[in-house]
Amino acid sequence: MRHLWTVIAAIVIGPAAWLLIAFGQAQSATAFGKAVASGTWPAADFVGPLLLLAGAGILLGLLGTLRFSPLGAVLTGLVYVATYAAVMIDGKDAYKLVNYKITIFKHEALMAGPVGSGATLLLGSLLLVGVASVSRWRRWPARAAETVPDESAPAAGSGTDETKDFWTPSTPVSTPLGPYSDETPDRTVPNQFGSPWRTPPGENAAEEKSR
């Protein structure tokens, strides 16, 4: 179904973009011709061609960047390229198929204009690039469920008695810095026996027994 919608979009966008290119190129050529002949370049003469050509580019850009299926872009690109390639096979008959004028709001455009300028070959080749993207032919996967962290896993920094560091004391040991211990602040000593010059407990008892 998703491919069918892109085909329908291509049937609408392809001819519409062709018309916009034909009218935009015709008006642009007229505006440039007047500007070169008169030596003045009025901006108002280029507003119409700008809107028409930009509109054609936006339509083809939307068709070429549809993320759910590139089929419409591929079909439109094949038709655009075929209109120019047909000139190499049977140019006379191929030109007759597009050699007619369309008038809209007193503005005329030749349908063979985009073919003669090479615009169909250029734009068709750009649209065919969509067939090279294999991922665009696949259906987009469903959104993955958000992963919930396992509450049973131990928190960072926590551990059992077997994994804890034996030499690091759980509580800091303080020792006075001088004789006036009540007046001086305590210093935290990383050794579990307090001061590094103190004798560890248990050694005094061993010495007394030996005596």
N, C-alpha and C. Protein backbone atom coordinates (compact mmCIF):
# COMPACT_ATOMS: atom_id res chain seq x y z
N MET A 1 0.83 -1.21 0.00
CA MET A 1 0.00 0.00 0.00
C MET A 1 0.86 1.25 0.00
N ARG A 2 1.96 1.20 0.72
CA ARG A 2 2.82 2.38 0.79
C ARG A 2 3.44 2.69 -0.56
N HIS A 3 3.72 1.65 -1.39
CA HIS A 3 4.25 1.89 -2.73
C HIS A 3 3.18 2.50 -3.63
N LEU A 4 1.92 2.11 -3.41
CA LEU A 4 0.82 2.64 -4.25
C LEU A 4 0.66 4.13 -4.06
N TRP A 5 0.80 4.59 -2.82
CA TRP A 5 0.65 6.03 -2.57
C TRP A 5 1.75 6.84 -3.26
N THR A 6 2.94 6.31 -3.31
CA THR A 6 4.00 7.04 -4.00
C THR A 6 3.78 7.07 -5.51
N VAL A 7 3.17 6.01 -6.06
CA VAL A 7 2.85 6.01 -7.49
C VAL A 7 1.80 7.08 -7.79
N ILE A 8 0.80 7.18 -6.91
CA ILE A 8 -0.24 8.22 -7.09
C ILE A 8 0.39 9.61 -6.99
N ALA A 9 1.29 9.78 -6.04
CA ALA A 9 1.97 11.08 -5.91
C ALA A 9 2.80 11.38 -7.14
N ALA A 10 3.43 10.35 -7.73
CA ALA A 10 4.24 10.57 -8.93
C ALA A 10 3.36 10.96 -10.12
N ILE A 11 2.18 10.37 -10.21
CA ILE A 11 1.27 10.71 -11.32
C ILE A 11 0.84 12.17 -11.25
N VAL A 12 0.73 12.70 -10.04
CA VAL A 12 0.31 14.11 -9.88
C VAL A 12 1.51 15.05 -9.98
N ILE A 13 2.59 14.71 -9.28
CA ILE A 13 3.73 15.62 -9.19
C ILE A 13 4.53 15.67 -10.48
N GLY A 14 4.68 14.54 -11.16
CA GLY A 14 5.49 14.51 -12.39
C GLY A 14 5.02 15.50 -13.45
N PRO A 15 3.75 15.42 -13.90
CA PRO A 15 3.26 16.40 -14.90
C PRO A 15 3.23 17.83 -14.38
N ALA A 16 2.87 18.00 -13.06
CA ALA A 16 2.83 19.35 -12.51
C ALA A 16 4.21 20.00 -12.53
N ALA A 17 5.21 19.24 -12.15
CA ALA A 17 6.58 19.78 -12.17
C ALA A 17 7.02 20.07 -13.60
N TRP A 18 6.62 19.23 -14.54
CA TRP A 18 6.97 19.48 -15.95
C TRP A 18 6.38 20.80 -16.42
N LEU A 19 5.12 21.05 -16.09
CA LEU A 19 4.48 22.32 -16.48
C LEU A 19 5.20 23.51 -15.84
N LEU A 20 5.51 23.40 -14.58
CA LEU A 20 6.20 24.51 -13.90
C LEU A 20 7.57 24.77 -14.53
N ILE A 21 8.27 23.71 -14.89
CA ILE A 21 9.57 23.90 -15.53
C ILE A 21 9.41 24.56 -16.89
N ALA A 22 8.42 24.12 -17.66
CA ALA A 22 8.21 24.68 -19.00
C ALA A 22 7.86 26.16 -18.93
N PHE A 23 6.94 26.53 -18.05
CA PHE A 23 6.57 27.94 -17.93
C PHE A 23 7.70 28.75 -17.29
N GLY A 24 8.37 28.17 -16.32
CA GLY A 24 9.46 28.90 -15.68
C GLY A 24 10.61 29.16 -16.62
N GLN A 25 10.97 28.19 -17.45
CA GLN A 25 12.05 28.39 -18.41
C GLN A 25 11.67 29.40 -19.48
N ALA A 26 10.42 29.34 -19.93
CA ALA A 26 9.98 30.29 -20.96
C ALA A 26 10.02 31.72 -20.43
N GLN A 27 9.49 31.94 -19.24
CA GLN A 27 9.50 33.28 -18.67
C GLN A 27 10.91 33.73 -18.30
N SER A 28 11.74 32.81 -17.87
CA SER A 28 13.12 33.17 -17.54
C SER A 28 13.88 33.59 -18.79
N ALA A 29 13.68 32.87 -19.90
CA ALA A 29 14.35 33.23 -21.15
C ALA A 29 13.89 34.60 -21.64
N THR A 30 12.59 34.86 -21.48
CA THR A 30 12.06 36.17 -21.89
C THR A 30 12.65 37.29 -21.03
N ALA A 31 12.71 37.06 -19.71
CA ALA A 31 13.24 38.08 -18.80
C ALA A 31 14.71 38.35 -19.07
N PHE A 32 15.49 37.31 -19.32
CA PHE A 32 16.91 37.51 -19.61
C PHE A 32 17.10 38.20 -20.97
N GLY A 33 16.26 37.83 -21.94
CA GLY A 33 16.37 38.48 -23.25
C GLY A 33 16.09 39.97 -23.17
N LYS A 34 15.05 40.37 -22.44
CA LYS A 34 14.74 41.79 -22.28
C LYS A 34 15.85 42.52 -21.52
N ALA A 35 16.37 41.88 -20.49
CA ALA A 35 17.40 42.52 -19.68
C ALA A 35 18.68 42.74 -20.49
N VAL A 36 19.05 41.77 -21.31
CA VAL A 36 20.26 41.92 -22.11
C VAL A 36 20.07 42.98 -23.19
N ALA A 37 18.87 43.02 -23.77
CA ALA A 37 18.61 43.98 -24.85
C ALA A 37 18.54 45.42 -24.32
N SER A 38 17.90 45.60 -23.17
CA SER A 38 17.72 46.96 -22.63
C SER A 38 18.88 47.42 -21.76
N GLY A 39 19.64 46.48 -21.24
CA GLY A 39 20.73 46.86 -20.34
C GLY A 39 20.30 47.07 -18.91
N THR A 40 19.03 46.91 -18.60
CA THR A 40 18.52 47.03 -17.23
C THR A 40 18.04 45.66 -16.77
N TRP A 41 18.16 45.46 -15.48
CA TRP A 41 17.78 44.16 -14.93
C TRP A 41 16.74 44.36 -13.82
N PRO A 42 15.49 44.59 -14.19
CA PRO A 42 14.44 44.78 -13.17
C PRO A 42 14.14 43.47 -12.45
N ALA A 43 14.10 43.53 -11.14
CA ALA A 43 13.88 42.32 -10.34
C ALA A 43 12.48 41.76 -10.52
N ALA A 44 11.52 42.62 -10.86
CA ALA A 44 10.14 42.15 -11.00
C ALA A 44 9.99 41.15 -12.14
N ASP A 45 10.81 41.25 -13.15
CA ASP A 45 10.70 40.31 -14.28
C ASP A 45 11.16 38.91 -13.92
N PHE A 46 11.92 38.77 -12.85
CA PHE A 46 12.46 37.46 -12.49
C PHE A 46 11.70 36.81 -11.33
N VAL A 47 10.69 37.50 -10.79
CA VAL A 47 9.93 36.93 -9.68
C VAL A 47 9.12 35.73 -10.15
N GLY A 48 8.44 35.87 -11.29
CA GLY A 48 7.63 34.77 -11.82
C GLY A 48 8.46 33.53 -12.13
N PRO A 49 9.54 33.65 -12.90
CA PRO A 49 10.36 32.46 -13.15
C PRO A 49 10.94 31.84 -11.88
N LEU A 50 11.28 32.68 -10.93
CA LEU A 50 11.83 32.14 -9.69
C LEU A 50 10.80 31.27 -8.97
N LEU A 51 9.57 31.75 -8.85
CA LEU A 51 8.53 30.99 -8.15
C LEU A 51 8.20 29.70 -8.89
N LEU A 52 8.13 29.77 -10.21
CA LEU A 52 7.77 28.58 -10.98
C LEU A 52 8.85 27.52 -10.89
N LEU A 53 10.10 27.90 -11.10
CA LEU A 53 11.18 26.92 -11.08
C LEU A 53 11.43 26.40 -9.66
N ALA A 54 11.31 27.29 -8.68
CA ALA A 54 11.47 26.83 -7.30
C ALA A 54 10.34 25.88 -6.91
N GLY A 55 9.12 26.16 -7.37
CA GLY A 55 8.01 25.25 -7.09
C GLY A 55 8.23 23.88 -7.70
N ALA A 56 8.74 23.84 -8.92
CA ALA A 56 9.04 22.55 -9.55
C ALA A 56 10.11 21.79 -8.77
N GLY A 57 11.13 22.51 -8.32
CA GLY A 57 12.18 21.85 -7.54
C GLY A 57 11.68 21.32 -6.22
N ILE A 58 10.78 22.06 -5.56
CA ILE A 58 10.24 21.61 -4.28
C ILE A 58 9.38 20.36 -4.47
N LEU A 59 8.55 20.34 -5.50
CA LEU A 59 7.70 19.17 -5.75
C LEU A 59 8.54 17.93 -6.02
N LEU A 60 9.52 18.05 -6.90
CA LEU A 60 10.37 16.91 -7.20
C LEU A 60 11.23 16.52 -6.00
N GLY A 61 11.62 17.51 -5.21
CA GLY A 61 12.39 17.20 -4.00
C GLY A 61 11.56 16.41 -3.00
N LEU A 62 10.29 16.79 -2.83
CA LEU A 62 9.42 16.03 -1.93
C LEU A 62 9.23 14.60 -2.42
N LEU A 63 9.05 14.46 -3.73
CA LEU A 63 8.88 13.11 -4.28
C LEU A 63 10.15 12.28 -4.14
N GLY A 64 11.30 12.90 -4.28
CA GLY A 64 12.55 12.17 -4.21
C GLY A 64 13.00 11.84 -2.80
N THR A 65 12.43 12.52 -1.80
CA THR A 65 12.86 12.30 -0.41
C THR A 65 11.80 11.60 0.43
N LEU A 66 10.77 11.03 -0.19
CA LEU A 66 9.80 10.27 0.57
C LEU A 66 10.50 9.07 1.20
N ARG A 67 10.40 8.95 2.52
CA ARG A 67 11.20 7.97 3.24
C ARG A 67 10.59 6.58 3.22
N PHE A 68 9.28 6.46 2.97
CA PHE A 68 8.68 5.14 3.09
C PHE A 68 8.71 4.35 1.79
N SER A 69 8.94 4.99 0.63
CA SER A 69 9.05 4.24 -0.61
C SER A 69 9.61 5.15 -1.70
N PRO A 70 10.63 4.69 -2.45
CA PRO A 70 11.18 5.48 -3.55
C PRO A 70 10.57 5.13 -4.90
N LEU A 71 9.50 4.33 -4.92
CA LEU A 71 8.95 3.86 -6.19
C LEU A 71 8.45 5.01 -7.05
N GLY A 72 7.78 5.99 -6.46
CA GLY A 72 7.28 7.13 -7.22
C GLY A 72 8.41 7.93 -7.84
N ALA A 73 9.48 8.13 -7.09
CA ALA A 73 10.62 8.88 -7.62
C ALA A 73 11.28 8.11 -8.76
N VAL A 74 11.36 6.79 -8.64
CA VAL A 74 11.98 5.98 -9.69
C VAL A 74 11.16 6.04 -10.97
N LEU A 75 9.84 5.92 -10.87
CA LEU A 75 8.98 5.96 -12.06
C LEU A 75 9.06 7.32 -12.74
N THR A 76 8.99 8.38 -11.95
CA THR A 76 9.10 9.72 -12.53
C THR A 76 10.46 9.93 -13.17
N GLY A 77 11.51 9.46 -12.53
CA GLY A 77 12.84 9.59 -13.11
C GLY A 77 12.99 8.83 -14.41
N LEU A 78 12.39 7.63 -14.49
CA LEU A 78 12.46 6.86 -15.73
C LEU A 78 11.74 7.58 -16.87
N VAL A 79 10.59 8.14 -16.59
CA VAL A 79 9.85 8.87 -17.63
C VAL A 79 10.63 10.09 -18.09
N TYR A 80 11.18 10.84 -17.16
CA TYR A 80 11.94 12.04 -17.52
C TYR A 80 13.17 11.68 -18.37
N VAL A 81 13.89 10.65 -17.94
CA VAL A 81 15.08 10.26 -18.70
C VAL A 81 14.70 9.69 -20.06
N ALA A 82 13.59 8.94 -20.12
CA ALA A 82 13.16 8.34 -21.38
C ALA A 82 12.79 9.39 -22.42
N THR A 83 12.23 10.53 -21.99
CA THR A 83 11.87 11.56 -22.95
C THR A 83 13.08 12.13 -23.67
N TYR A 84 14.21 12.16 -22.98
CA TYR A 84 15.43 12.64 -23.63
C TYR A 84 16.14 11.53 -24.39
N ALA A 85 16.12 10.32 -23.82
CA ALA A 85 16.78 9.19 -24.50
C ALA A 85 16.06 8.81 -25.78
N ALA A 86 14.74 9.06 -25.84
CA ALA A 86 13.98 8.72 -27.05
C ALA A 86 14.43 9.53 -28.25
N VAL A 87 15.00 10.71 -28.03
CA VAL A 87 15.48 11.53 -29.13
C VAL A 87 16.62 10.82 -29.85
N MET A 88 17.38 10.02 -29.12
CA MET A 88 18.49 9.30 -29.73
C MET A 88 18.00 8.14 -30.60
N ILE A 89 16.82 7.63 -30.28
CA ILE A 89 16.29 6.48 -31.02
C ILE A 89 15.46 6.93 -32.21
N ASP A 90 14.48 7.74 -31.94
CA ASP A 90 13.60 8.26 -33.00
C ASP A 90 13.25 9.70 -32.64
N GLY A 91 14.17 10.59 -32.92
CA GLY A 91 14.00 11.96 -32.49
C GLY A 91 12.81 12.67 -33.10
N LYS A 92 12.52 12.40 -34.36
CA LYS A 92 11.44 13.11 -35.04
C LYS A 92 10.09 12.79 -34.42
N ASP A 93 9.80 11.51 -34.25
CA ASP A 93 8.51 11.12 -33.65
C ASP A 93 8.45 11.47 -32.17
N ALA A 94 9.55 11.32 -31.49
CA ALA A 94 9.56 11.66 -30.06
C ALA A 94 9.32 13.14 -29.84
N TYR A 95 9.87 13.96 -30.72
CA TYR A 95 9.68 15.40 -30.56
C TYR A 95 8.23 15.79 -30.83
N LYS A 96 7.57 15.05 -31.73
CA LYS A 96 6.17 15.37 -32.03
C LYS A 96 5.26 15.15 -30.82
N LEU A 97 5.63 14.22 -29.96
CA LEU A 97 4.79 13.93 -28.79
C LEU A 97 4.76 15.09 -27.79
N VAL A 98 5.79 15.89 -27.76
CA VAL A 98 5.85 16.98 -26.78
C VAL A 98 5.89 18.35 -27.45
N ASN A 99 5.82 18.38 -28.75
CA ASN A 99 5.92 19.66 -29.46
C ASN A 99 4.54 20.32 -29.59
N TYR A 100 4.09 20.89 -28.50
CA TYR A 100 2.85 21.66 -28.52
C TYR A 100 2.90 22.68 -27.39
N LYS A 101 2.07 23.71 -27.55
CA LYS A 101 2.07 24.82 -26.61
C LYS A 101 0.86 24.75 -25.69
N ILE A 102 1.05 25.27 -24.50
CA ILE A 102 -0.03 25.37 -23.51
C ILE A 102 -0.07 26.82 -23.05
N THR A 103 -1.29 27.36 -23.00
CA THR A 103 -1.48 28.75 -22.58
C THR A 103 -2.27 28.78 -21.29
N ILE A 104 -1.73 29.42 -20.28
CA ILE A 104 -2.39 29.59 -18.99
C ILE A 104 -2.23 31.04 -18.57
N PHE A 105 -3.36 31.71 -18.34
CA PHE A 105 -3.36 33.12 -17.94
C PHE A 105 -2.51 33.97 -18.90
N LYS A 106 -2.73 33.76 -20.16
CA LYS A 106 -2.08 34.51 -21.23
C LYS A 106 -0.56 34.29 -21.28
N HIS A 107 -0.10 33.24 -20.64
CA HIS A 107 1.31 32.89 -20.68
C HIS A 107 1.45 31.57 -21.45
N GLU A 108 2.31 31.57 -22.44
CA GLU A 108 2.51 30.39 -23.27
C GLU A 108 3.80 29.68 -22.90
N ALA A 109 3.77 28.37 -23.04
CA ALA A 109 4.96 27.56 -22.75
C ALA A 109 4.98 26.38 -23.71
N LEU A 110 6.14 26.05 -24.19
CA LEU A 110 6.32 24.91 -25.08
C LEU A 110 6.70 23.69 -24.24
N MET A 111 5.92 22.63 -24.38
CA MET A 111 6.14 21.44 -23.56
C MET A 111 7.47 20.75 -23.89
N ALA A 112 8.00 21.02 -25.07
CA ALA A 112 9.29 20.43 -25.42
C ALA A 112 10.46 21.21 -24.83
N GLY A 113 10.17 22.30 -24.15
CA GLY A 113 11.24 23.12 -23.58
C GLY A 113 12.11 22.38 -22.58
N PRO A 114 11.51 21.66 -21.58
CA PRO A 114 12.37 20.94 -20.63
C PRO A 114 13.21 19.85 -21.28
N VAL A 115 12.70 19.26 -22.38
CA VAL A 115 13.50 18.25 -23.06
C VAL A 115 14.65 18.89 -23.82
N GLY A 116 14.36 19.98 -24.52
CA GLY A 116 15.40 20.65 -25.30
C GLY A 116 16.50 21.24 -24.45
N SER A 117 16.16 21.70 -23.26
CA SER A 117 17.19 22.27 -22.37
C SER A 117 17.94 21.21 -21.57
N GLY A 118 17.49 19.98 -21.62
CA GLY A 118 18.14 18.91 -20.86
C GLY A 118 17.70 18.82 -19.42
N ALA A 119 16.67 19.59 -19.06
CA ALA A 119 16.21 19.58 -17.67
C ALA A 119 15.62 18.23 -17.28
N THR A 120 14.91 17.58 -18.21
CA THR A 120 14.32 16.28 -17.87
C THR A 120 15.39 15.22 -17.64
N LEU A 121 16.45 15.27 -18.42
CA LEU A 121 17.53 14.29 -18.22
C LEU A 121 18.24 14.52 -16.89
N LEU A 122 18.48 15.76 -16.56
CA LEU A 122 19.16 16.08 -15.31
C LEU A 122 18.32 15.69 -14.10
N LEU A 123 17.07 16.14 -14.10
CA LEU A 123 16.20 15.86 -12.95
C LEU A 123 15.84 14.38 -12.87
N GLY A 124 15.64 13.75 -14.02
CA GLY A 124 15.34 12.32 -14.00
C GLY A 124 16.48 11.50 -13.43
N SER A 125 17.71 11.87 -13.75
CA SER A 125 18.86 11.15 -13.21
C SER A 125 18.96 11.33 -11.70
N LEU A 126 18.64 12.51 -11.22
CA LEU A 126 18.66 12.74 -9.77
C LEU A 126 17.60 11.90 -9.06
N LEU A 127 16.43 11.78 -9.67
CA LEU A 127 15.37 11.00 -9.04
C LEU A 127 15.69 9.50 -9.03
N LEU A 128 16.42 9.05 -10.02
CA LEU A 128 16.76 7.62 -10.09
C LEU A 128 17.77 7.21 -9.02
N VAL A 129 18.39 8.17 -8.39
CA VAL A 129 19.33 7.82 -7.31
C VAL A 129 18.60 7.13 -6.17
N GLY A 130 17.29 7.37 -6.04
CA GLY A 130 16.52 6.74 -4.97
C GLY A 130 16.49 5.23 -5.05
N VAL A 131 16.67 4.66 -6.23
CA VAL A 131 16.63 3.20 -6.36
C VAL A 131 17.88 2.57 -5.75
N ALA A 132 18.94 3.34 -5.58
CA ALA A 132 20.18 2.79 -5.03
C ALA A 132 20.12 2.62 -3.53
N SER A 133 19.16 3.26 -2.86
CA SER A 133 19.03 3.16 -1.41
C SER A 133 18.17 1.94 -1.08
N VAL A 134 18.82 0.86 -0.67
CA VAL A 134 18.08 -0.37 -0.37
C VAL A 134 17.21 -0.20 0.87
N SER A 135 17.66 0.59 1.84
CA SER A 135 16.90 0.74 3.09
C SER A 135 15.57 1.42 2.87
N ARG A 136 15.45 2.23 1.81
CA ARG A 136 14.18 2.93 1.58
C ARG A 136 13.11 2.00 1.03
N TRP A 137 13.50 0.83 0.51
CA TRP A 137 12.52 -0.13 0.01
C TRP A 137 11.93 -0.97 1.14
N ARG A 138 12.58 -0.97 2.28
CA ARG A 138 12.12 -1.79 3.39
C ARG A 138 11.15 -1.01 4.25
N ARG A 139 10.29 -1.76 4.93
CA ARG A 139 9.36 -1.13 5.87
C ARG A 139 10.11 -0.72 7.11
N TRP A 140 9.75 0.47 7.62
CA TRP A 140 10.43 0.96 8.81
C TRP A 140 10.07 0.10 10.01
N PRO A 141 11.04 -0.32 10.82
CA PRO A 141 10.74 -1.18 11.97
C PRO A 141 9.97 -0.42 13.03
N ALA A 142 9.22 -1.21 13.82
CA ALA A 142 8.48 -0.60 14.92
C ALA A 142 9.43 -0.06 15.96
N ARG A 143 8.96 0.92 16.67
CA ARG A 143 9.79 1.56 17.68
C ARG A 143 10.10 0.58 18.80
N ALA A 144 11.37 0.43 19.08
CA ALA A 144 11.78 -0.52 20.12
C ALA A 144 11.33 -0.02 21.49
N ALA A 145 10.94 -0.99 22.32
CA ALA A 145 10.49 -0.65 23.67
C ALA A 145 11.66 -0.10 24.47
N GLU A 146 11.34 0.87 25.29
CA GLU A 146 12.39 1.48 26.09
C GLU A 146 12.87 0.49 27.14
N THR A 147 14.14 0.39 27.27
CA THR A 147 14.73 -0.54 28.23
C THR A 147 14.66 0.04 29.63
N VAL A 148 14.18 -0.81 30.56
CA VAL A 148 14.06 -0.39 31.95
C VAL A 148 15.25 -0.97 32.72
N PRO A 149 15.97 -0.16 33.44
CA PRO A 149 17.12 -0.70 34.17
C PRO A 149 16.71 -1.74 35.20
N ASP A 150 17.51 -2.75 35.36
CA ASP A 150 17.23 -3.83 36.31
C ASP A 150 17.48 -3.35 37.71
N GLU A 151 16.39 -3.36 38.52
CA GLU A 151 16.51 -2.88 39.90
C GLU A 151 17.27 -3.86 40.77
N SER A 152 17.31 -5.13 40.33
CA SER A 152 18.00 -6.12 41.14
C SER A 152 19.51 -6.01 41.05
N ALA A 153 20.02 -5.29 40.02
CA ALA A 153 21.46 -5.15 39.87
C ALA A 153 22.01 -4.26 40.97
N PRO A 154 23.15 -4.55 41.53
CA PRO A 154 23.72 -3.72 42.60
C PRO A 154 24.09 -2.35 42.10
N ALA A 155 23.90 -1.36 42.93
CA ALA A 155 24.22 0.01 42.56
C ALA A 155 25.72 0.19 42.47
N ALA A 156 26.11 1.25 41.73
CA ALA A 156 27.54 1.52 41.56
C ALA A 156 28.16 1.89 42.90
N GLY A 157 29.29 1.35 43.16
CA GLY A 157 29.99 1.65 44.40
C GLY A 157 29.68 0.69 45.53
N SER A 158 28.56 -0.08 45.40
CA SER A 158 28.21 -1.03 46.44
C SER A 158 28.82 -2.38 46.13
N GLY A 159 29.04 -3.19 47.10
CA GLY A 159 29.61 -4.50 46.90
C GLY A 159 29.50 -5.33 48.16
N THR A 160 29.76 -6.61 48.04
CA THR A 160 29.70 -7.51 49.19
C THR A 160 31.00 -7.43 49.97
N ASP A 161 31.01 -8.19 51.06
CA ASP A 161 32.22 -8.19 51.89
C ASP A 161 33.40 -8.79 51.16
N GLU A 162 33.11 -9.68 50.19
CA GLU A 162 34.21 -10.31 49.47
C GLU A 162 34.88 -9.37 48.48
N THR A 163 34.11 -8.41 47.98
CA THR A 163 34.65 -7.51 46.96
C THR A 163 35.15 -6.20 47.52
N LYS A 164 34.89 -5.92 48.80
CA LYS A 164 35.33 -4.65 49.38
C LYS A 164 36.83 -4.69 49.64
N ASP A 165 37.43 -3.50 49.64
CA ASP A 165 38.86 -3.39 49.91
C ASP A 165 39.12 -3.61 51.39
N PHE A 166 39.98 -4.59 51.71
CA PHE A 166 40.22 -4.93 53.11
C PHE A 166 41.03 -3.86 53.82
N TRP A 167 41.90 -3.18 53.11
CA TRP A 167 42.83 -2.25 53.75
C TRP A 167 42.26 -0.85 53.93
N THR A 168 41.16 -0.56 53.27
CA THR A 168 40.58 0.79 53.39
C THR A 168 39.57 0.79 54.53
N PRO A 169 39.76 1.61 55.54
CA PRO A 169 38.81 1.61 56.67
C PRO A 169 37.48 2.21 56.24
N SER A 170 36.41 1.72 56.84
CA SER A 170 35.08 2.22 56.52
C SER A 170 34.83 3.58 57.12
N THR A 171 35.47 3.89 58.24
CA THR A 171 35.32 5.19 58.88
C THR A 171 36.68 5.83 59.01
N PRO A 172 36.79 7.14 58.80
CA PRO A 172 38.09 7.80 58.91
C PRO A 172 38.58 7.80 60.34
N VAL A 173 39.88 7.68 60.50
CA VAL A 173 40.52 7.70 61.82
C VAL A 173 41.17 9.05 62.01
N SER A 174 40.90 9.67 63.11
CA SER A 174 41.44 11.01 63.38
C SER A 174 42.49 10.90 64.46
N THR A 175 43.46 11.75 64.34
CA THR A 175 44.53 11.79 65.34
C THR A 175 44.88 13.23 65.59
N PRO A 176 45.22 13.59 66.78
CA PRO A 176 45.57 15.00 67.07
C PRO A 176 46.87 15.38 66.42
N LEU A 177 46.98 16.63 66.11
CA LEU A 177 48.18 17.16 65.48
C LEU A 177 49.21 17.63 66.48
N GLY A 178 48.84 17.84 67.69
CA GLY A 178 49.78 18.34 68.69
C GLY A 178 49.30 18.02 70.08
N PRO A 179 49.96 18.59 71.03
CA PRO A 179 49.57 18.31 72.43
C PRO A 179 48.23 18.89 72.80
N TYR A 180 47.82 19.92 72.13
CA TYR A 180 46.53 20.56 72.45
C TYR A 180 45.48 20.00 71.51
N SER A 181 45.05 18.84 71.83
CA SER A 181 44.12 18.15 70.93
C SER A 181 42.74 18.76 70.95
N ASP A 182 42.36 19.42 72.06
CA ASP A 182 41.02 19.98 72.13
C ASP A 182 40.90 21.23 71.30
N GLU A 183 42.03 21.92 71.06
CA GLU A 183 41.97 23.19 70.37
C GLU A 183 42.28 23.07 68.88
N THR A 184 42.92 21.98 68.47
CA THR A 184 43.31 21.86 67.06
C THR A 184 42.35 20.92 66.36
N PRO A 185 42.10 21.18 65.09
CA PRO A 185 41.18 20.30 64.35
C PRO A 185 41.81 18.95 64.11
N ASP A 186 40.95 17.96 63.87
CA ASP A 186 41.42 16.61 63.61
C ASP A 186 41.86 16.48 62.17
N ARG A 187 42.87 15.67 61.95
CA ARG A 187 43.34 15.37 60.59
C ARG A 187 42.97 13.91 60.28
N THR A 188 42.43 13.70 59.16
CA THR A 188 42.03 12.36 58.75
C THR A 188 43.23 11.64 58.17
N VAL A 189 43.59 10.51 58.73
CA VAL A 189 44.74 9.73 58.29
C VAL A 189 44.22 8.52 57.56
N PRO A 190 44.68 8.27 56.30
CA PRO A 190 44.13 7.16 55.55
C PRO A 190 44.48 5.80 56.10
N ASN A 191 45.46 5.69 57.08
CA ASN A 191 45.85 4.40 57.62
C ASN A 191 44.83 3.95 58.65
N GLN A 192 44.50 2.67 58.69
CA GLN A 192 43.48 2.19 59.60
C GLN A 192 43.96 2.18 61.06
N PHE A 193 45.29 2.29 61.30
CA PHE A 193 45.82 2.29 62.66
C PHE A 193 46.09 3.69 63.18
N GLY A 194 45.56 4.71 62.49
CA GLY A 194 45.78 6.08 62.94
C GLY A 194 47.07 6.61 62.40
N SER A 195 47.97 7.08 63.27
CA SER A 195 49.24 7.64 62.85
C SER A 195 50.14 6.54 62.29
N PRO A 196 50.91 6.84 61.26
CA PRO A 196 51.81 5.82 60.71
C PRO A 196 52.94 5.45 61.66
N TRP A 197 53.20 6.27 62.73
CA TRP A 197 54.28 5.98 63.69
C TRP A 197 53.78 5.21 64.92
N ARG A 198 52.50 5.01 65.00
CA ARG A 198 51.96 4.30 66.16
C ARG A 198 52.13 2.80 65.96
N THR A 199 52.24 2.11 67.05
CA THR A 199 52.37 0.66 67.00
C THR A 199 50.99 0.04 66.85
N PRO A 200 50.82 -0.87 65.89
CA PRO A 200 49.49 -1.48 65.72
C PRO A 200 49.08 -2.22 66.96
N PRO A 201 47.77 -2.23 67.24
CA PRO A 201 47.29 -2.95 68.44
C PRO A 201 47.61 -4.43 68.33
N GLY A 202 47.96 -5.03 69.45
CA GLY A 202 48.28 -6.46 69.45
C GLY A 202 49.76 -6.71 69.61
N GLU A 203 50.60 -5.81 69.12
CA GLU A 203 52.04 -6.01 69.23
C GLU A 203 52.54 -5.73 70.65
N ASN A 204 51.93 -4.71 71.34
CA ASN A 204 52.31 -4.44 72.73
C ASN A 204 52.01 -5.63 73.62
N ALA A 205 50.88 -6.28 73.36
CA ALA A 205 50.52 -7.42 74.19
C ALA A 205 51.49 -8.58 73.97
N ALA A 206 51.94 -8.74 72.70
CA ALA A 206 52.87 -9.81 72.42
C ALA A 206 54.22 -9.57 73.11
N GLU A 207 54.65 -8.30 73.14
CA GLU A 207 55.91 -7.98 73.82
C GLU A 207 55.84 -8.21 75.32
N GLU A 208 54.69 -7.86 75.95
CA GLU A 208 54.54 -8.05 77.39
C GLU A 208 54.58 -9.52 77.77
N LYS A 209 53.95 -10.36 76.92
CA LYS A 209 53.95 -11.80 77.20
C LYS A 209 55.36 -12.39 77.09
N SER A 210 56.13 -11.87 76.08
CA SER A 210 57.49 -12.39 75.92
C SER A 210 58.37 -12.05 77.10
N ARG A 211 58.08 -10.91 77.76
CA ARG A 211 58.83 -10.53 78.94
C ARG A 211 58.47 -11.42 80.15
